[in-house]
Amino acid sequence: MREWHVEHMEKTVVKYVKGLSENASGWEKRNHKKYGSLANICRQIEYDIKHGVSGEQVTSLFERIRNDSCFSTLRKGNGSMERLAEIENQFSKPKLRVAQWS
């Protein structure tokens, strides 16, 4: 099951970084508007982390997208590196815990 969550996380990140194509159908545009926001993508990645994906696997995926030759066409996309940086910022900064007052 853990492998499924790793693959799901990879597909989710690649889909978000790739963005919506210029000749997308109306159905694709509606689904992208409904499910393609940064908040939804982060929620899906956090769900995968909860079910076995390590933080190291998430950061290694970001590095693979930036450096690996199999993602070269993905990096050439319009705005793709900015979207990747947005996701990286969400998962690189430490989470602040709210103090609970008695």
N, C-alpha and C. Protein backbone atom coordinates (compact mmCIF):
# COMPACT_ATOMS: atom_id res chain seq x y z
N MET A 1 0.82 -1.19 0.00
CA MET A 1 0.00 0.00 0.00
C MET A 1 0.86 1.26 0.00
N ARG A 2 2.01 1.18 0.66
CA ARG A 2 2.91 2.33 0.72
C ARG A 2 3.38 2.71 -0.68
N GLU A 3 3.63 1.71 -1.53
CA GLU A 3 4.08 2.00 -2.89
C GLU A 3 3.01 2.77 -3.66
N TRP A 4 1.74 2.43 -3.42
CA TRP A 4 0.67 3.13 -4.09
C TRP A 4 0.68 4.61 -3.71
N HIS A 5 0.91 4.91 -2.43
CA HIS A 5 0.91 6.29 -1.97
C HIS A 5 2.11 7.05 -2.53
N VAL A 6 3.25 6.37 -2.69
CA VAL A 6 4.42 7.02 -3.30
C VAL A 6 4.10 7.38 -4.75
N GLU A 7 3.52 6.44 -5.49
CA GLU A 7 3.16 6.71 -6.88
C GLU A 7 2.10 7.81 -6.97
N HIS A 8 1.13 7.80 -6.08
CA HIS A 8 0.09 8.81 -6.07
C HIS A 8 0.68 10.19 -5.82
N MET A 9 1.62 10.26 -4.89
CA MET A 9 2.27 11.54 -4.58
C MET A 9 3.04 12.04 -5.80
N GLU A 10 3.76 11.15 -6.47
CA GLU A 10 4.51 11.54 -7.66
C GLU A 10 3.57 12.04 -8.76
N LYS A 11 2.49 11.31 -9.01
CA LYS A 11 1.54 11.72 -10.05
C LYS A 11 0.91 13.07 -9.72
N THR A 12 0.60 13.26 -8.44
CA THR A 12 -0.04 14.51 -8.01
C THR A 12 0.89 15.69 -8.23
N VAL A 13 2.15 15.54 -7.84
CA VAL A 13 3.11 16.64 -7.98
C VAL A 13 3.37 16.92 -9.46
N VAL A 14 3.57 15.89 -10.25
CA VAL A 14 3.84 16.07 -11.68
C VAL A 14 2.66 16.74 -12.36
N LYS A 15 1.45 16.31 -12.01
CA LYS A 15 0.25 16.89 -12.62
C LYS A 15 0.13 18.37 -12.28
N TYR A 16 0.43 18.74 -11.03
CA TYR A 16 0.34 20.15 -10.64
C TYR A 16 1.43 20.98 -11.31
N VAL A 17 2.64 20.45 -11.34
CA VAL A 17 3.76 21.19 -11.95
C VAL A 17 3.54 21.35 -13.45
N LYS A 18 2.99 20.33 -14.07
CA LYS A 18 2.74 20.39 -15.51
C LYS A 18 1.72 21.47 -15.85
N GLY A 19 0.69 21.60 -15.04
CA GLY A 19 -0.32 22.63 -15.27
C GLY A 19 -1.34 22.19 -16.31
N LEU A 20 -2.19 23.10 -16.65
CA LEU A 20 -3.27 22.84 -17.60
C LEU A 20 -2.79 23.19 -19.01
N SER A 21 -3.05 22.31 -19.96
CA SER A 21 -2.61 22.56 -21.33
C SER A 21 -3.44 23.68 -21.96
N GLU A 22 -2.90 24.28 -23.00
CA GLU A 22 -3.58 25.39 -23.66
C GLU A 22 -4.85 24.96 -24.36
N ASN A 23 -4.88 23.73 -24.85
CA ASN A 23 -6.05 23.25 -25.59
C ASN A 23 -6.87 22.28 -24.73
N ALA A 24 -7.00 22.58 -23.45
CA ALA A 24 -7.76 21.73 -22.54
C ALA A 24 -9.25 21.84 -22.82
N SER A 25 -9.94 20.74 -22.61
CA SER A 25 -11.39 20.74 -22.83
C SER A 25 -12.07 21.44 -21.65
N GLY A 26 -13.34 21.70 -21.82
CA GLY A 26 -14.10 22.33 -20.75
C GLY A 26 -14.14 21.48 -19.49
N TRP A 27 -14.24 20.17 -19.66
CA TRP A 27 -14.24 19.26 -18.52
C TRP A 27 -12.92 19.34 -17.76
N GLU A 28 -11.80 19.36 -18.50
CA GLU A 28 -10.48 19.46 -17.86
C GLU A 28 -10.33 20.79 -17.12
N LYS A 29 -10.83 21.86 -17.71
CA LYS A 29 -10.75 23.18 -17.06
C LYS A 29 -11.56 23.21 -15.77
N ARG A 30 -12.77 22.64 -15.79
CA ARG A 30 -13.60 22.60 -14.58
C ARG A 30 -12.94 21.78 -13.49
N ASN A 31 -12.41 20.61 -13.85
CA ASN A 31 -11.75 19.77 -12.85
C ASN A 31 -10.49 20.43 -12.30
N HIS A 32 -9.77 21.12 -13.16
CA HIS A 32 -8.56 21.80 -12.70
C HIS A 32 -8.92 22.93 -11.75
N LYS A 33 -9.97 23.65 -12.05
CA LYS A 33 -10.42 24.73 -11.18
C LYS A 33 -10.89 24.19 -9.84
N LYS A 34 -11.56 23.03 -9.87
CA LYS A 34 -12.12 22.46 -8.65
C LYS A 34 -11.08 21.75 -7.80
N TYR A 35 -10.17 21.01 -8.41
CA TYR A 35 -9.24 20.15 -7.67
C TYR A 35 -7.77 20.51 -7.83
N GLY A 36 -7.43 21.48 -8.66
CA GLY A 36 -6.04 21.73 -9.00
C GLY A 36 -5.37 22.85 -8.24
N SER A 37 -5.99 23.31 -7.15
CA SER A 37 -5.37 24.41 -6.40
C SER A 37 -4.21 23.89 -5.56
N LEU A 38 -3.37 24.80 -5.14
CA LEU A 38 -2.22 24.44 -4.31
C LEU A 38 -2.68 23.81 -3.00
N ALA A 39 -3.75 24.31 -2.44
CA ALA A 39 -4.25 23.75 -1.18
C ALA A 39 -4.69 22.30 -1.34
N ASN A 40 -5.38 21.98 -2.44
CA ASN A 40 -5.80 20.60 -2.67
C ASN A 40 -4.61 19.69 -2.92
N ILE A 41 -3.63 20.17 -3.64
CA ILE A 41 -2.45 19.36 -3.92
C ILE A 41 -1.69 19.08 -2.62
N CYS A 42 -1.52 20.09 -1.79
CA CYS A 42 -0.83 19.90 -0.50
C CYS A 42 -1.61 18.94 0.39
N ARG A 43 -2.92 19.03 0.36
CA ARG A 43 -3.76 18.12 1.16
C ARG A 43 -3.56 16.69 0.70
N GLN A 44 -3.47 16.46 -0.60
CA GLN A 44 -3.27 15.10 -1.12
C GLN A 44 -1.89 14.58 -0.74
N ILE A 45 -0.88 15.43 -0.80
CA ILE A 45 0.47 15.00 -0.43
C ILE A 45 0.54 14.70 1.06
N GLU A 46 -0.11 15.53 1.88
CA GLU A 46 -0.14 15.27 3.33
C GLU A 46 -0.86 13.96 3.63
N TYR A 47 -1.89 13.65 2.88
CA TYR A 47 -2.59 12.38 3.04
C TYR A 47 -1.65 11.22 2.74
N ASP A 48 -0.86 11.35 1.66
CA ASP A 48 0.10 10.30 1.32
C ASP A 48 1.19 10.17 2.38
N ILE A 49 1.61 11.29 2.94
CA ILE A 49 2.62 11.25 4.01
C ILE A 49 2.04 10.53 5.23
N LYS A 50 0.78 10.78 5.52
CA LYS A 50 0.12 10.13 6.65
C LYS A 50 0.08 8.61 6.46
N HIS A 51 0.05 8.16 5.21
CA HIS A 51 -0.07 6.74 4.92
C HIS A 51 1.22 6.10 4.44
N GLY A 52 2.37 6.68 4.81
CA GLY A 52 3.61 5.95 4.60
C GLY A 52 4.68 6.61 3.76
N VAL A 53 4.38 7.69 3.07
CA VAL A 53 5.41 8.37 2.29
C VAL A 53 6.25 9.22 3.26
N SER A 54 7.55 9.09 3.17
CA SER A 54 8.41 9.84 4.08
C SER A 54 8.69 11.24 3.52
N GLY A 55 9.05 12.13 4.41
CA GLY A 55 9.41 13.48 3.99
C GLY A 55 10.62 13.47 3.07
N GLU A 56 11.50 12.51 3.30
CA GLU A 56 12.68 12.36 2.44
C GLU A 56 12.28 11.99 1.01
N GLN A 57 11.26 11.16 0.86
CA GLN A 57 10.80 10.80 -0.47
C GLN A 57 10.18 11.99 -1.19
N VAL A 58 9.51 12.85 -0.44
CA VAL A 58 8.91 14.04 -1.03
C VAL A 58 10.01 14.98 -1.53
N THR A 59 11.00 15.25 -0.69
CA THR A 59 12.09 16.15 -1.11
C THR A 59 12.93 15.54 -2.22
N SER A 60 13.10 14.21 -2.21
CA SER A 60 13.87 13.60 -3.30
C SER A 60 13.11 13.70 -4.62
N LEU A 61 11.78 13.65 -4.57
CA LEU A 61 11.00 13.85 -5.80
C LEU A 61 11.20 15.25 -6.34
N PHE A 62 11.19 16.25 -5.45
CA PHE A 62 11.42 17.63 -5.90
C PHE A 62 12.80 17.75 -6.56
N GLU A 63 13.81 17.12 -5.98
CA GLU A 63 15.16 17.16 -6.55
C GLU A 63 15.20 16.43 -7.89
N ARG A 64 14.51 15.29 -7.98
CA ARG A 64 14.47 14.56 -9.25
C ARG A 64 13.82 15.40 -10.34
N ILE A 65 12.75 16.10 -10.01
CA ILE A 65 12.08 16.93 -11.02
C ILE A 65 13.02 18.05 -11.46
N ARG A 66 13.77 18.62 -10.54
CA ARG A 66 14.69 19.71 -10.89
C ARG A 66 15.89 19.22 -11.70
N ASN A 67 16.39 18.00 -11.47
CA ASN A 67 17.67 17.59 -12.02
C ASN A 67 17.64 16.41 -12.99
N ASP A 68 16.66 15.54 -12.91
CA ASP A 68 16.67 14.31 -13.70
C ASP A 68 16.29 14.61 -15.16
N SER A 69 16.93 13.89 -16.07
CA SER A 69 16.69 14.12 -17.49
C SER A 69 15.30 13.67 -17.94
N CYS A 70 14.68 12.73 -17.22
CA CYS A 70 13.35 12.27 -17.64
C CYS A 70 12.28 13.33 -17.40
N PHE A 71 12.57 14.35 -16.60
CA PHE A 71 11.62 15.43 -16.36
C PHE A 71 11.99 16.70 -17.12
N SER A 72 12.86 16.59 -18.13
CA SER A 72 13.31 17.79 -18.85
C SER A 72 12.18 18.48 -19.59
N THR A 73 11.26 17.72 -20.18
CA THR A 73 10.13 18.36 -20.87
C THR A 73 9.19 19.02 -19.88
N LEU A 74 9.07 18.46 -18.69
CA LEU A 74 8.23 19.06 -17.66
C LEU A 74 8.80 20.40 -17.20
N ARG A 75 10.12 20.49 -17.09
CA ARG A 75 10.77 21.73 -16.65
C ARG A 75 10.63 22.84 -17.68
N LYS A 76 10.46 22.49 -18.96
CA LYS A 76 10.36 23.49 -20.02
C LYS A 76 8.99 24.15 -20.09
N GLY A 77 8.02 23.59 -19.37
CA GLY A 77 6.65 24.12 -19.42
C GLY A 77 6.57 25.53 -18.86
N ASN A 78 5.57 26.25 -19.32
CA ASN A 78 5.38 27.63 -18.92
C ASN A 78 4.94 27.70 -17.46
N GLY A 79 5.79 28.26 -16.59
CA GLY A 79 5.47 28.43 -15.18
C GLY A 79 5.65 27.19 -14.34
N SER A 80 6.19 26.13 -14.90
CA SER A 80 6.27 24.88 -14.15
C SER A 80 7.24 24.97 -12.97
N MET A 81 8.34 25.65 -13.14
CA MET A 81 9.31 25.74 -12.05
C MET A 81 8.79 26.62 -10.91
N GLU A 82 7.95 27.59 -11.24
CA GLU A 82 7.35 28.41 -10.20
C GLU A 82 6.36 27.59 -9.37
N ARG A 83 5.59 26.73 -10.06
CA ARG A 83 4.65 25.87 -9.34
C ARG A 83 5.39 24.86 -8.47
N LEU A 84 6.51 24.35 -8.96
CA LEU A 84 7.32 23.43 -8.16
C LEU A 84 7.86 24.14 -6.92
N ALA A 85 8.30 25.38 -7.08
CA ALA A 85 8.81 26.15 -5.95
C ALA A 85 7.71 26.40 -4.92
N GLU A 86 6.47 26.61 -5.37
CA GLU A 86 5.35 26.81 -4.44
C GLU A 86 5.15 25.58 -3.57
N ILE A 87 5.18 24.40 -4.20
CA ILE A 87 5.00 23.17 -3.43
C ILE A 87 6.17 22.96 -2.48
N GLU A 88 7.38 23.21 -2.97
CA GLU A 88 8.56 23.04 -2.11
C GLU A 88 8.48 23.94 -0.88
N ASN A 89 8.01 25.17 -1.07
CA ASN A 89 7.88 26.09 0.06
C ASN A 89 6.89 25.57 1.08
N GLN A 90 5.85 24.92 0.64
CA GLN A 90 4.84 24.39 1.56
C GLN A 90 5.39 23.25 2.41
N PHE A 91 6.32 22.47 1.86
CA PHE A 91 6.81 21.30 2.58
C PHE A 91 8.21 21.47 3.14
N SER A 92 8.85 22.60 2.89
CA SER A 92 10.19 22.81 3.45
C SER A 92 10.18 23.63 4.73
N LYS A 93 9.18 24.50 4.87
CA LYS A 93 9.14 25.33 6.07
C LYS A 93 8.58 24.53 7.25
N PRO A 94 9.09 24.77 8.45
CA PRO A 94 8.58 24.03 9.60
C PRO A 94 7.16 24.45 9.95
N LYS A 95 6.39 23.51 10.40
CA LYS A 95 5.01 23.78 10.79
C LYS A 95 5.01 24.43 12.18
N LEU A 96 4.25 25.49 12.34
CA LEU A 96 4.13 26.16 13.62
C LEU A 96 3.00 25.52 14.39
N ARG A 97 3.26 25.24 15.63
CA ARG A 97 2.23 24.69 16.49
C ARG A 97 1.64 25.80 17.33
N VAL A 98 0.36 25.80 17.45
CA VAL A 98 -0.35 26.81 18.23
C VAL A 98 -0.31 26.39 19.70
N ALA A 99 0.10 27.29 20.55
CA ALA A 99 0.15 26.99 21.98
C ALA A 99 -1.26 26.92 22.53
N GLN A 100 -1.49 25.94 23.34
CA GLN A 100 -2.81 25.79 23.95
C GLN A 100 -2.75 26.32 25.37
N TRP A 101 -3.68 27.19 25.67
CA TRP A 101 -3.73 27.79 26.99
C TRP A 101 -4.69 27.01 27.86
N SER A 102 -4.31 26.75 29.08
CA SER A 102 -5.16 25.97 29.98
C SER A 102 -6.27 26.80 30.55
